Amino acid sequence: MPTDPKGRIEPGYDTHIFVCGHERNESASRPSCAKRNSLDLMRQLKLLVKASDMKNIRVQKSGCLDFCEFGTTCVVYPEGTWYSLEDSEAVEELFRCLKEGKISKKHLLEINS
């Protein structure tokens, strides 16, 4: 039986963060997160988490989360909190809130009907 290289004894993460990396072509009628530098924002968050003392947290690219009209989309589980990450400052704020165990209310994804 193989052993986990990170020493984990059961599957899963305490916190799992998905950042939309979907890219639509230029002629698409809808925007896409990748064209808003979502992968750079994801890498920034990943590096912040890796450099911290936060354990059992995973940051990764997702496919389309289907809310691209509202900015770079990010969702954090297990709570299922959705965010719109506009820039590096938003990523840093989200990271601070994650570290403190809080929700970043400033960057919550808001859908105006």
PDB file of N, CA and C in Angstrom:
ATOM      1  N   MET A   1       0.853  -1.182   0.000  1.00  0.00           N
ATOM      2  CA  MET A   1       0.000   0.000   0.000  1.00  0.00           C
ATOM      3  C   MET A   1       0.894   1.237   0.000  1.00  0.00           C
ATOM      4  N   PRO A   2       0.664   2.163  -0.952  1.00  0.00           N
ATOM      5  CA  PRO A   2       1.490   3.375  -0.998  1.00  0.00           C
ATOM      6  C   PRO A   2       1.198   4.292   0.190  1.00  0.00           C
ATOM      7  N   THR A   3       2.175   5.110   0.527  1.00  0.00           N
ATOM      8  CA  THR A   3       1.986   6.110   1.584  1.00  0.00           C
ATOM      9  C   THR A   3       1.929   7.485   0.944  1.00  0.00           C
ATOM     10  N   ASP A   4       1.225   8.391   1.600  1.00  0.00           N
ATOM     11  CA  ASP A   4       1.097   9.753   1.087  1.00  0.00           C
ATOM     12  C   ASP A   4       2.410  10.499   1.314  1.00  0.00           C
ATOM     13  N   PRO A   5       2.945  11.161   0.287  1.00  0.00           N
ATOM     14  CA  PRO A   5       4.222  11.871   0.443  1.00  0.00           C
ATOM     15  C   PRO A   5       4.147  13.045   1.423  1.00  0.00           C
ATOM     16  N   LYS A   6       2.937  13.527   1.693  1.00  0.00           N
ATOM     17  CA  LYS A   6       2.779  14.635   2.643  1.00  0.00           C
ATOM     18  C   LYS A   6       2.402  14.147   4.031  1.00  0.00           C
ATOM     19  N   GLY A   7       2.331  12.835   4.213  1.00  0.00           N
ATOM     20  CA  GLY A   7       2.057  12.272   5.529  1.00  0.00           C
ATOM     21  C   GLY A   7       0.600  12.261   5.941  1.00  0.00           C
ATOM     22  N   ARG A   8      -0.306  12.512   5.000  1.00  0.00           N
ATOM     23  CA  ARG A   8      -1.727  12.503   5.338  1.00  0.00           C
ATOM     24  C   ARG A   8      -2.197  11.069   5.556  1.00  0.00           C
ATOM     25  N   ILE A   9      -3.151  10.915   6.469  1.00  0.00           N
ATOM     26  CA  ILE A   9      -3.660   9.571   6.744  1.00  0.00           C
ATOM     27  C   ILE A   9      -5.102   9.383   6.291  1.00  0.00           C
ATOM     28  N   GLU A  10      -5.730  10.454   5.822  1.00  0.00           N
ATOM     29  CA  GLU A  10      -7.069  10.338   5.245  1.00  0.00           C
ATOM     30  C   GLU A  10      -7.238  11.376   4.140  1.00  0.00           C
ATOM     31  N   PRO A  11      -8.124  11.126   3.183  1.00  0.00           N
ATOM     32  CA  PRO A  11      -8.295  12.051   2.063  1.00  0.00           C
ATOM     33  C   PRO A  11      -9.045  13.312   2.457  1.00  0.00           C
ATOM     34  N   GLY A  12      -8.859  14.338   1.654  1.00  0.00           N
ATOM     35  CA  GLY A  12      -9.610  15.572   1.833  1.00  0.00           C
ATOM     36  C   GLY A  12      -8.786  16.691   2.444  1.00  0.00           C
ATOM     37  N   TYR A  13      -9.413  17.847   2.526  1.00  0.00           N
ATOM     38  CA  TYR A  13      -8.790  19.050   3.079  1.00  0.00           C
ATOM     39  C   TYR A  13      -9.783  19.713   4.018  1.00  0.00           C
ATOM     40  N   ASP A  14      -9.285  20.428   5.003  1.00  0.00           N
ATOM     41  CA  ASP A  14     -10.178  21.195   5.876  1.00  0.00           C
ATOM     42  C   ASP A  14     -10.807  22.339   5.087  1.00  0.00           C
ATOM     43  N   THR A  15     -10.012  22.958   4.228  1.00  0.00           N
ATOM     44  CA  THR A  15     -10.483  24.068   3.397  1.00  0.00           C
ATOM     45  C   THR A  15     -10.034  23.813   1.966  1.00  0.00           C
ATOM     46  N   HIS A  16     -10.963  23.981   1.039  1.00  0.00           N
ATOM     47  CA  HIS A  16     -10.668  23.755  -0.374  1.00  0.00           C
ATOM     48  C   HIS A  16     -11.139  24.990  -1.141  1.00  0.00           C
ATOM     49  N   ILE A  17     -10.227  25.645  -1.838  1.00  0.00           N
ATOM     50  CA  ILE A  17     -10.524  26.890  -2.539  1.00  0.00           C
ATOM     51  C   ILE A  17     -10.376  26.670  -4.036  1.00  0.00           C
ATOM     52  N   PHE A  18     -11.434  26.974  -4.773  1.00  0.00           N
ATOM     53  CA  PHE A  18     -11.420  26.858  -6.224  1.00  0.00           C
ATOM     54  C   PHE A  18     -11.477  28.251  -6.831  1.00  0.00           C
ATOM     55  N   VAL A  19     -10.565  28.538  -7.755  1.00  0.00           N
ATOM     56  CA  VAL A  19     -10.553  29.810  -8.479  1.00  0.00           C
ATOM     57  C   VAL A  19     -10.809  29.478  -9.948  1.00  0.00           C
ATOM     58  N   CYS A  20     -11.806  30.126 -10.525  1.00  0.00           N
ATOM     59  CA  CYS A  20     -12.180  29.857 -11.912  1.00  0.00           C
ATOM     60  C   CYS A  20     -11.021  30.161 -12.856  1.00  0.00           C
ATOM     61  N   GLY A  21     -10.701  29.204 -13.701  1.00  0.00           N
ATOM     62  CA  GLY A  21      -9.656  29.399 -14.694  1.00  0.00           C
ATOM     63  C   GLY A  21     -10.189  29.266 -16.119  1.00  0.00           C
ATOM     64  N   HIS A  22     -11.508  29.371 -16.240  1.00  0.00           N
ATOM     65  CA  HIS A  22     -12.139  29.168 -17.542  1.00  0.00           C
ATOM     66  C   HIS A  22     -11.833  30.323 -18.491  1.00  0.00           C
ATOM     67  N   GLU A  23     -11.575  29.963 -19.763  1.00  0.00           N
ATOM     68  CA  GLU A  23     -11.307  30.981 -20.778  1.00  0.00           C
ATOM     69  C   GLU A  23     -12.203  30.738 -21.986  1.00  0.00           C
ATOM     70  N   ARG A  24     -13.025  31.732 -22.276  1.00  0.00           N
ATOM     71  CA  ARG A  24     -13.858  31.684 -23.483  1.00  0.00           C
ATOM     72  C   ARG A  24     -13.108  32.348 -24.631  1.00  0.00           C
ATOM     73  N   ASN A  25     -13.477  32.012 -25.849  1.00  0.00           N
ATOM     74  CA  ASN A  25     -12.803  32.635 -26.986  1.00  0.00           C
ATOM     75  C   ASN A  25     -13.274  34.080 -27.153  1.00  0.00           C
ATOM     76  N   GLU A  26     -12.564  34.801 -27.976  1.00  0.00           N
ATOM     77  CA  GLU A  26     -12.811  36.244 -28.171  1.00  0.00           C
ATOM     78  C   GLU A  26     -14.221  36.561 -28.655  1.00  0.00           C
ATOM     79  N   SER A  27     -14.831  35.670 -29.401  1.00  0.00           N
ATOM     80  CA  SER A  27     -16.159  35.940 -29.951  1.00  0.00           C
ATOM     81  C   SER A  27     -17.302  35.543 -29.012  1.00  0.00           C
ATOM     82  N   ALA A  28     -16.969  35.051 -27.826  1.00  0.00           N
ATOM     83  CA  ALA A  28     -18.007  34.619 -26.882  1.00  0.00           C
ATOM     84  C   ALA A  28     -18.843  35.808 -26.412  1.00  0.00           C
ATOM     85  N   SER A  29     -20.101  35.554 -26.134  1.00  0.00           N
ATOM     86  CA  SER A  29     -20.996  36.621 -25.675  1.00  0.00           C
ATOM     87  C   SER A  29     -20.823  36.909 -24.179  1.00  0.00           C
ATOM     88  N   ARG A  30     -20.145  36.033 -23.471  1.00  0.00           N
ATOM     89  CA  ARG A  30     -19.928  36.210 -22.036  1.00  0.00           C
ATOM     90  C   ARG A  30     -18.436  36.389 -21.746  1.00  0.00           C
ATOM     91  N   PRO A  31     -18.094  37.106 -20.683  1.00  0.00           N
ATOM     92  CA  PRO A  31     -16.680  37.244 -20.303  1.00  0.00           C
ATOM     93  C   PRO A  31     -16.174  35.935 -19.681  1.00  0.00           C
ATOM     94  N   SER A  32     -14.886  35.884 -19.422  1.00  0.00           N
ATOM     95  CA  SER A  32     -14.336  34.728 -18.735  1.00  0.00           C
ATOM     96  C   SER A  32     -13.315  35.173 -17.695  1.00  0.00           C
ATOM     97  N   CYS A  33     -13.190  34.374 -16.669  1.00  0.00           N
ATOM     98  CA  CYS A  33     -12.306  34.725 -15.555  1.00  0.00           C
ATOM     99  C   CYS A  33     -10.836  34.718 -15.959  1.00  0.00           C
ATOM    100  N   ALA A  34     -10.440  33.783 -16.814  1.00  0.00           N
ATOM    101  CA  ALA A  34      -9.032  33.701 -17.201  1.00  0.00           C
ATOM    102  C   ALA A  34      -8.555  34.988 -17.862  1.00  0.00           C
ATOM    103  N   LYS A  35      -9.429  35.662 -18.570  1.00  0.00           N
ATOM    104  CA  LYS A  35      -9.050  36.917 -19.226  1.00  0.00           C
ATOM    105  C   LYS A  35      -8.918  38.064 -18.211  1.00  0.00           C
ATOM    106  N   ARG A  36      -9.314  37.808 -16.981  1.00  0.00           N
ATOM    107  CA  ARG A  36      -9.134  38.791 -15.899  1.00  0.00           C
ATOM    108  C   ARG A  36      -7.960  38.400 -14.996  1.00  0.00           C
ATOM    109  N   ASN A  37      -7.063  37.594 -15.537  1.00  0.00           N
ATOM    110  CA  ASN A  37      -5.865  37.163 -14.800  1.00  0.00           C
ATOM    111  C   ASN A  37      -6.183  36.286 -13.592  1.00  0.00           C
ATOM    112  N   SER A  38      -7.227  35.484 -13.693  1.00  0.00           N
ATOM    113  CA  SER A  38      -7.604  34.633 -12.571  1.00  0.00           C
ATOM    114  C   SER A  38      -6.500  33.651 -12.188  1.00  0.00           C
ATOM    115  N   LEU A  39      -5.731  33.172 -13.155  1.00  0.00           N
ATOM    116  CA  LEU A  39      -4.682  32.211 -12.821  1.00  0.00           C
ATOM    117  C   LEU A  39      -3.545  32.868 -12.044  1.00  0.00           C
ATOM    118  N   ASP A  40      -3.251  34.127 -12.342  1.00  0.00           N
ATOM    119  CA  ASP A  40      -2.252  34.864 -11.549  1.00  0.00           C
ATOM    120  C   ASP A  40      -2.758  35.093 -10.128  1.00  0.00           C
ATOM    121  N   LEU A  41      -4.038  35.426  -9.999  1.00  0.00           N
ATOM    122  CA  LEU A  41      -4.618  35.625  -8.664  1.00  0.00           C
ATOM    123  C   LEU A  41      -4.612  34.309  -7.884  1.00  0.00           C
ATOM    124  N   MET A  42      -4.911  33.207  -8.552  1.00  0.00           N
ATOM    125  CA  MET A  42      -4.883  31.901  -7.902  1.00  0.00           C
ATOM    126  C   MET A  42      -3.467  31.572  -7.428  1.00  0.00           C
ATOM    127  N   ARG A  43      -2.479  31.828  -8.275  1.00  0.00           N
ATOM    128  CA  ARG A  43      -1.085  31.560  -7.895  1.00  0.00           C
ATOM    129  C   ARG A  43      -0.672  32.408  -6.691  1.00  0.00           C
ATOM    130  N   GLN A  44      -1.111  33.665  -6.673  1.00  0.00           N
ATOM    131  CA  GLN A  44      -0.799  34.535  -5.544  1.00  0.00           C
ATOM    132  C   GLN A  44      -1.385  33.963  -4.256  1.00  0.00           C
ATOM    133  N   LEU A  45      -2.639  33.544  -4.295  1.00  0.00           N
ATOM    134  CA  LEU A  45      -3.276  32.968  -3.110  1.00  0.00           C
ATOM    135  C   LEU A  45      -2.574  31.675  -2.702  1.00  0.00           C
ATOM    136  N   LYS A  46      -2.230  30.861  -3.672  1.00  0.00           N
ATOM    137  CA  LYS A  46      -1.547  29.597  -3.406  1.00  0.00           C
ATOM    138  C   LYS A  46      -0.209  29.853  -2.695  1.00  0.00           C
ATOM    139  N   LEU A  47       0.544  30.847  -3.170  1.00  0.00           N
ATOM    140  CA  LEU A  47       1.832  31.169  -2.549  1.00  0.00           C
ATOM    141  C   LEU A  47       1.660  31.717  -1.135  1.00  0.00           C
ATOM    142  N   LEU A  48       0.640  32.542  -0.920  1.00  0.00           N
ATOM    143  CA  LEU A  48       0.378  33.060   0.421  1.00  0.00           C
ATOM    144  C   LEU A  48       0.063  31.925   1.393  1.00  0.00           C
ATOM    145  N   VAL A  49      -0.766  30.986   0.950  1.00  0.00           N
ATOM    146  CA  VAL A  49      -1.124  29.849   1.801  1.00  0.00           C
ATOM    147  C   VAL A  49       0.106  28.991   2.075  1.00  0.00           C
ATOM    148  N   LYS A  50       0.880  28.719   1.035  1.00  0.00           N
ATOM    149  CA  LYS A  50       2.055  27.863   1.183  1.00  0.00           C
ATOM    150  C   LYS A  50       3.081  28.474   2.143  1.00  0.00           C
ATOM    151  N   ALA A  51       3.247  29.799   2.108  1.00  0.00           N
ATOM    152  CA  ALA A  51       4.217  30.480   2.968  1.00  0.00           C
ATOM    153  C   ALA A  51       3.718  30.658   4.402  1.00  0.00           C
ATOM    154  N   SER A  52       2.439  30.376   4.623  1.00  0.00           N
ATOM    155  CA  SER A  52       1.863  30.573   5.959  1.00  0.00           C
ATOM    156  C   SER A  52       1.950  29.285   6.772  1.00  0.00           C
ATOM    157  N   ASP A  53       1.436  29.374   7.983  1.00  0.00           N
ATOM    158  CA  ASP A  53       1.383  28.182   8.837  1.00  0.00           C
ATOM    159  C   ASP A  53       0.048  27.443   8.698  1.00  0.00           C
ATOM    160  N   MET A  54      -0.739  27.833   7.705  1.00  0.00           N
ATOM    161  CA  MET A  54      -2.034  27.187   7.485  1.00  0.00           C
ATOM    162  C   MET A  54      -1.807  25.788   6.920  1.00  0.00           C
ATOM    163  N   LYS A  55      -2.448  24.812   7.526  1.00  0.00           N
ATOM    164  CA  LYS A  55      -2.290  23.425   7.111  1.00  0.00           C
ATOM    165  C   LYS A  55      -3.601  22.878   6.565  1.00  0.00           C
ATOM    166  N   ASN A  56      -3.485  21.848   5.763  1.00  0.00           N
ATOM    167  CA  ASN A  56      -4.639  21.117   5.236  1.00  0.00           C
ATOM    168  C   ASN A  56      -5.603  22.021   4.466  1.00  0.00           C
ATOM    169  N   ILE A  57      -5.006  22.887   3.641  1.00  0.00           N
ATOM    170  CA  ILE A  57      -5.791  23.790   2.800  1.00  0.00           C
ATOM    171  C   ILE A  57      -5.298  23.622   1.363  1.00  0.00           C
ATOM    172  N   ARG A  58      -6.214  23.615   0.430  1.00  0.00           N
ATOM    173  CA  ARG A  58      -5.870  23.412  -0.984  1.00  0.00           C
ATOM    174  C   ARG A  58      -6.444  24.558  -1.806  1.00  0.00           C
ATOM    175  N   VAL A  59      -5.597  25.184  -2.624  1.00  0.00           N
ATOM    176  CA  VAL A  59      -6.004  26.228  -3.563  1.00  0.00           C
ATOM    177  C   VAL A  59      -5.752  25.674  -4.953  1.00  0.00           C
ATOM    178  N   GLN A  60      -6.786  25.684  -5.795  1.00  0.00           N
ATOM    179  CA  GLN A  60      -6.586  25.164  -7.138  1.00  0.00           C
ATOM    180  C   GLN A  60      -7.514  25.805  -8.148  1.00  0.00           C
ATOM    181  N   LYS A  61      -7.132  25.632  -9.402  1.00  0.00           N
ATOM    182  CA  LYS A  61      -7.923  26.131 -10.524  1.00  0.00           C
ATOM    183  C   LYS A  61      -9.143  25.238 -10.692  1.00  0.00           C
ATOM    184  N   SER A  62     -10.248  25.866 -11.034  1.00  0.00           N
ATOM    185  CA  SER A  62     -11.440  25.090 -11.367  1.00  0.00           C
ATOM    186  C   SER A  62     -11.807  25.377 -12.815  1.00  0.00           C
ATOM    187  N   GLY A  63     -12.713  24.592 -13.321  1.00  0.00           N
ATOM    188  CA  GLY A  63     -13.336  24.908 -14.588  1.00  0.00           C
ATOM    189  C   GLY A  63     -14.319  26.046 -14.345  1.00  0.00           C
ATOM    190  N   CYS A  64     -15.155  26.300 -15.297  1.00  0.00           N
ATOM    191  CA  CYS A  64     -16.098  27.404 -15.195  1.00  0.00           C
ATOM    192  C   CYS A  64     -17.022  27.236 -13.988  1.00  0.00           C
ATOM    193  N   LEU A  65     -17.102  28.286 -13.182  1.00  0.00           N
ATOM    194  CA  LEU A  65     -18.028  28.308 -12.046  1.00  0.00           C
ATOM    195  C   LEU A  65     -19.326  29.013 -12.419  1.00  0.00           C
ATOM    196  N   ASP A  66     -19.411  29.513 -13.646  1.00  0.00           N
ATOM    197  CA  ASP A  66     -20.620  30.059 -14.262  1.00  0.00           C
ATOM    198  C   ASP A  66     -21.104  31.390 -13.701  1.00  0.00           C
ATOM    199  N   PHE A  67     -20.195  32.186 -13.121  1.00  0.00           N
ATOM    200  CA  PHE A  67     -20.556  33.527 -12.662  1.00  0.00           C
ATOM    201  C   PHE A  67     -19.526  34.551 -13.145  1.00  0.00           C
ATOM    202  N   CYS A  68     -18.980  34.336 -14.328  1.00  0.00           N
ATOM    203  CA  CYS A  68     -17.902  35.178 -14.863  1.00  0.00           C
ATOM    204  C   CYS A  68     -18.310  36.638 -15.037  1.00  0.00           C
ATOM    205  N   GLU A  69     -19.590  36.899 -15.206  1.00  0.00           N
ATOM    206  CA  GLU A  69     -20.041  38.284 -15.365  1.00  0.00           C
ATOM    207  C   GLU A  69     -19.751  39.129 -14.122  1.00  0.00           C
ATOM    208  N   PHE A  70     -19.532  38.482 -12.992  1.00  0.00           N
ATOM    209  CA  PHE A  70     -19.393  39.190 -11.727  1.00  0.00           C
ATOM    210  C   PHE A  70     -17.944  39.293 -11.269  1.00  0.00           C
ATOM    211  N   GLY A  71     -17.006  39.075 -12.161  1.00  0.00           N
ATOM    212  CA  GLY A  71     -15.592  39.165 -11.816  1.00  0.00           C
ATOM    213  C   GLY A  71     -14.981  37.789 -11.658  1.00  0.00           C
ATOM    214  N   THR A  72     -13.693  37.755 -11.360  1.00  0.00           N
ATOM    215  CA  THR A  72     -13.011  36.480 -11.155  1.00  0.00           C
ATOM    216  C   THR A  72     -13.672  35.759  -9.991  1.00  0.00           C
ATOM    217  N   THR A  73     -14.206  34.589 -10.276  1.00  0.00           N
ATOM    218  CA  THR A  73     -15.005  33.852  -9.305  1.00  0.00           C
ATOM    219  C   THR A  73     -14.155  32.867  -8.524  1.00  0.00           C
ATOM    220  N   CYS A  74     -14.431  32.810  -7.220  1.00  0.00           N
ATOM    221  CA  CYS A  74     -13.723  31.932  -6.303  1.00  0.00           C
ATOM    222  C   CYS A  74     -14.734  31.395  -5.303  1.00  0.00           C
ATOM    223  N   VAL A  75     -14.626  30.109  -4.955  1.00  0.00           N
ATOM    224  CA  VAL A  75     -15.514  29.535  -3.946  1.00  0.00           C
ATOM    225  C   VAL A  75     -14.672  28.762  -2.939  1.00  0.00           C
ATOM    226  N   VAL A  76     -15.028  28.915  -1.659  1.00  0.00           N
ATOM    227  CA  VAL A  76     -14.299  28.279  -0.567  1.00  0.00           C
ATOM    228  C   VAL A  76     -15.215  27.259   0.101  1.00  0.00           C
ATOM    229  N   TYR A  77     -14.719  26.033   0.202  1.00  0.00           N
ATOM    230  CA  TYR A  77     -15.453  24.962   0.882  1.00  0.00           C
ATOM    231  C   TYR A  77     -14.686  24.519   2.110  1.00  0.00           C
ATOM    232  N   PRO A  78     -15.348  24.076   3.181  1.00  0.00           N
ATOM    233  CA  PRO A  78     -16.676  23.471   3.147  1.00  0.00           C
ATOM    234  C   PRO A  78     -17.828  24.450   3.322  1.00  0.00           C
ATOM    235  N   GLU A  79     -17.560  25.717   3.666  1.00  0.00           N
ATOM    236  CA  GLU A  79     -18.697  26.610   3.933  1.00  0.00           C
ATOM    237  C   GLU A  79     -19.456  27.023   2.672  1.00  0.00           C
ATOM    238  N   GLY A  80     -18.820  26.915   1.493  1.00  0.00           N
ATOM    239  CA  GLY A  80     -19.503  27.269   0.251  1.00  0.00           C
ATOM    240  C   GLY A  80     -19.674  28.763   0.074  1.00  0.00           C
ATOM    241  N   THR A  81     -18.662  29.537   0.468  1.00  0.00           N
ATOM    242  CA  THR A  81     -18.706  30.990   0.343  1.00  0.00           C
ATOM    243  C   THR A  81     -18.105  31.388  -1.005  1.00  0.00           C
ATOM    244  N   TRP A  82     -18.846  32.216  -1.744  1.00  0.00           N
ATOM    245  CA  TRP A  82     -18.455  32.641  -3.089  1.00  0.00           C
ATOM    246  C   TRP A  82     -17.906  34.061  -3.047  1.00  0.00           C
ATOM    247  N   TYR A  83     -16.794  34.272  -3.763  1.00  0.00           N
ATOM    248  CA  TYR A  83     -16.132  35.567  -3.799  1.00  0.00           C
ATOM    249  C   TYR A  83     -15.906  36.020  -5.244  1.00  0.00           C
ATOM    250  N   SER A  84     -15.740  37.332  -5.393  1.00  0.00           N
ATOM    251  CA  SER A  84     -15.289  37.938  -6.631  1.00  0.00           C
ATOM    252  C   SER A  84     -13.947  38.598  -6.321  1.00  0.00           C
ATOM    253  N   LEU A  85     -12.900  38.127  -6.968  1.00  0.00           N
ATOM    254  CA  LEU A  85     -11.554  38.633  -6.709  1.00  0.00           C
ATOM    255  C   LEU A  85     -11.142  39.567  -7.843  1.00  0.00           C
ATOM    256  N   GLU A  86     -11.112  40.849  -7.559  1.00  0.00           N
ATOM    257  CA  GLU A  86     -10.817  41.836  -8.596  1.00  0.00           C
ATOM    258  C   GLU A  86      -9.332  41.970  -8.873  1.00  0.00           C
ATOM    259  N   ASP A  87      -8.501  41.851  -7.803  1.00  0.00           N
ATOM    260  CA  ASP A  87      -7.086  42.161  -7.949  1.00  0.00           C
ATOM    261  C   ASP A  87      -6.295  41.547  -6.797  1.00  0.00           C
ATOM    262  N   SER A  88      -4.992  41.856  -6.765  1.00  0.00           N
ATOM    263  CA  SER A  88      -4.105  41.318  -5.728  1.00  0.00           C
ATOM    264  C   SER A  88      -4.530  41.721  -4.326  1.00  0.00           C
ATOM    265  N   GLU A  89      -5.049  42.931  -4.203  1.00  0.00           N
ATOM    266  CA  GLU A  89      -5.511  43.400  -2.897  1.00  0.00           C
ATOM    267  C   GLU A  89      -6.664  42.533  -2.381  1.00  0.00           C
ATOM    268  N   ALA A  90      -7.557  42.132  -3.265  1.00  0.00           N
ATOM    269  CA  ALA A  90      -8.672  41.260  -2.885  1.00  0.00           C
ATOM    270  C   ALA A  90      -8.159  39.897  -2.433  1.00  0.00           C
ATOM    271  N   VAL A  91      -7.137  39.391  -3.111  1.00  0.00           N
ATOM    272  CA  VAL A  91      -6.546  38.102  -2.738  1.00  0.00           C
ATOM    273  C   VAL A  91      -5.934  38.195  -1.344  1.00  0.00           C
ATOM    274  N   GLU A  92      -5.210  39.278  -1.080  1.00  0.00           N
ATOM    275  CA  GLU A  92      -4.591  39.461   0.233  1.00  0.00           C
ATOM    276  C   GLU A  92      -5.645  39.567   1.331  1.00  0.00           C
ATOM    277  N   GLU A  93      -6.737  40.269   1.065  1.00  0.00           N
ATOM    278  CA  GLU A  93      -7.834  40.387   2.029  1.00  0.00           C
ATOM    279  C   GLU A  93      -8.477  39.018   2.281  1.00  0.00           C
ATOM    280  N   LEU A  94      -8.717  38.265   1.213  1.00  0.00           N
ATOM    281  CA  LEU A  94      -9.287  36.929   1.363  1.00  0.00           C
ATOM    282  C   LEU A  94      -8.357  36.053   2.196  1.00  0.00           C
ATOM    283  N   PHE A  95      -7.075  36.111   1.924  1.00  0.00           N
ATOM    284  CA  PHE A  95      -6.106  35.326   2.681  1.00  0.00           C
ATOM    285  C   PHE A  95      -6.136  35.687   4.167  1.00  0.00           C
ATOM    286  N   ARG A  96      -6.154  36.985   4.471  1.00  0.00           N
ATOM    287  CA  ARG A  96      -6.204  37.420   5.884  1.00  0.00           C
ATOM    288  C   ARG A  96      -7.452  36.867   6.570  1.00  0.00           C
ATOM    289  N   CYS A  97      -8.574  36.947   5.886  1.00  0.00           N
ATOM    290  CA  CYS A  97      -9.816  36.445   6.462  1.00  0.00           C
ATOM    291  C   CYS A  97      -9.781  34.930   6.650  1.00  0.00           C
ATOM    292  N   LEU A  98      -9.246  34.203   5.683  1.00  0.00           N
ATOM    293  CA  LEU A  98      -9.121  32.752   5.822  1.00  0.00           C
ATOM    294  C   LEU A  98      -8.262  32.404   7.026  1.00  0.00           C
ATOM    295  N   LYS A  99      -7.173  33.126   7.183  1.00  0.00           N
ATOM    296  CA  LYS A  99      -6.251  32.887   8.300  1.00  0.00           C
ATOM    297  C   LYS A  99      -6.931  33.150   9.642  1.00  0.00           C
ATOM    298  N   GLU A 100      -7.818  34.136   9.675  1.00  0.00           N
ATOM    299  CA  GLU A 100      -8.535  34.481  10.905  1.00  0.00           C
ATOM    300  C   GLU A 100      -9.817  33.668  11.083  1.00  0.00           C
ATOM    301  N   GLY A 101     -10.152  32.852  10.089  1.00  0.00           N
ATOM    302  CA  GLY A 101     -11.373  32.050  10.167  1.00  0.00           C
ATOM    303  C   GLY A 101     -12.632  32.875   9.946  1.00  0.00           C
ATOM    304  N   LYS A 102     -12.507  33.948   9.187  1.00  0.00           N
ATOM    305  CA  LYS A 102     -13.637  34.843   8.928  1.00  0.00           C
ATOM    306  C   LYS A 102     -14.012  34.811   7.453  1.00  0.00           C
ATOM    307  N   ILE A 103     -15.150  35.412   7.141  1.00  0.00           N
ATOM    308  CA  ILE A 103     -15.584  35.588   5.757  1.00  0.00           C
ATOM    309  C   ILE A 103     -15.207  36.997   5.320  1.00  0.00           C
ATOM    310  N   SER A 104     -14.637  37.125   4.144  1.00  0.00           N
ATOM    311  CA  SER A 104     -14.281  38.437   3.602  1.00  0.00           C
ATOM    312  C   SER A 104     -15.539  39.071   3.016  1.00  0.00           C
ATOM    313  N   LYS A 105     -16.265  39.800   3.823  1.00  0.00           N
ATOM    314  CA  LYS A 105     -17.532  40.386   3.377  1.00  0.00           C
ATOM    315  C   LYS A 105     -17.339  41.396   2.253  1.00  0.00           C
ATOM    316  N   LYS A 106     -16.182  42.036   2.229  1.00  0.00           N
ATOM    317  CA  LYS A 106     -15.890  43.038   1.200  1.00  0.00           C
ATOM    318  C   LYS A 106     -15.860  42.428  -0.206  1.00  0.00           C
ATOM    319  N   HIS A 107     -15.530  41.141  -0.308  1.00  0.00           N
ATOM    320  CA  HIS A 107     -15.358  40.524  -1.617  1.00  0.00           C
ATOM    321  C   HIS A 107     -16.341  39.404  -1.906  1.00  0.00           C
ATOM    322  N   LEU A 108     -17.434  39.369  -1.147  1.00  0.00           N
ATOM    323  CA  LEU A 108     -18.455  38.371  -1.424  1.00  0.00           C
ATOM    324  C   LEU A 108     -19.040  38.579  -2.820  1.00  0.00           C
ATOM    325  N   LEU A 109     -19.309  37.495  -3.507  1.00  0.00           N
ATOM    326  CA  LEU A 109     -19.911  37.575  -4.826  1.00  0.00           C
ATOM    327  C   LEU A 109     -21.350  38.036  -4.653  1.00  0.00           C
ATOM    328  N   GLU A 110     -21.684  39.138  -5.280  1.00  0.00           N
ATOM    329  CA  GLU A 110     -23.039  39.674  -5.187  1.00  0.00           C
ATOM    330  C   GLU A 110     -23.667  39.690  -6.564  1.00  0.00           C
ATOM    331  N   ILE A 111     -24.828  39.121  -6.638  1.00  0.00           N
ATOM    332  CA  ILE A 111     -25.586  39.087  -7.890  1.00  0.00           C
ATOM    333  C   ILE A 111     -26.762  40.035  -7.743  1.00  0.00           C
ATOM    334  N   ASN A 112     -26.750  41.080  -8.506  1.00  0.00           N
ATOM    335  CA  ASN A 112     -27.859  42.042  -8.478  1.00  0.00           C
ATOM    336  C   ASN A 112     -28.894  41.631  -9.512  1.00  0.00           C
ATOM    337  N   SER A 113     -30.107  41.469  -9.066  1.00  0.00           N
ATOM    338  CA  SER A 113     -31.143  41.046 -10.019  1.00  0.00           C
ATOM    339  C   SER A 113     -31.932  42.248 -10.515  1.00  0.00           C
TER     340      SER A 113
END
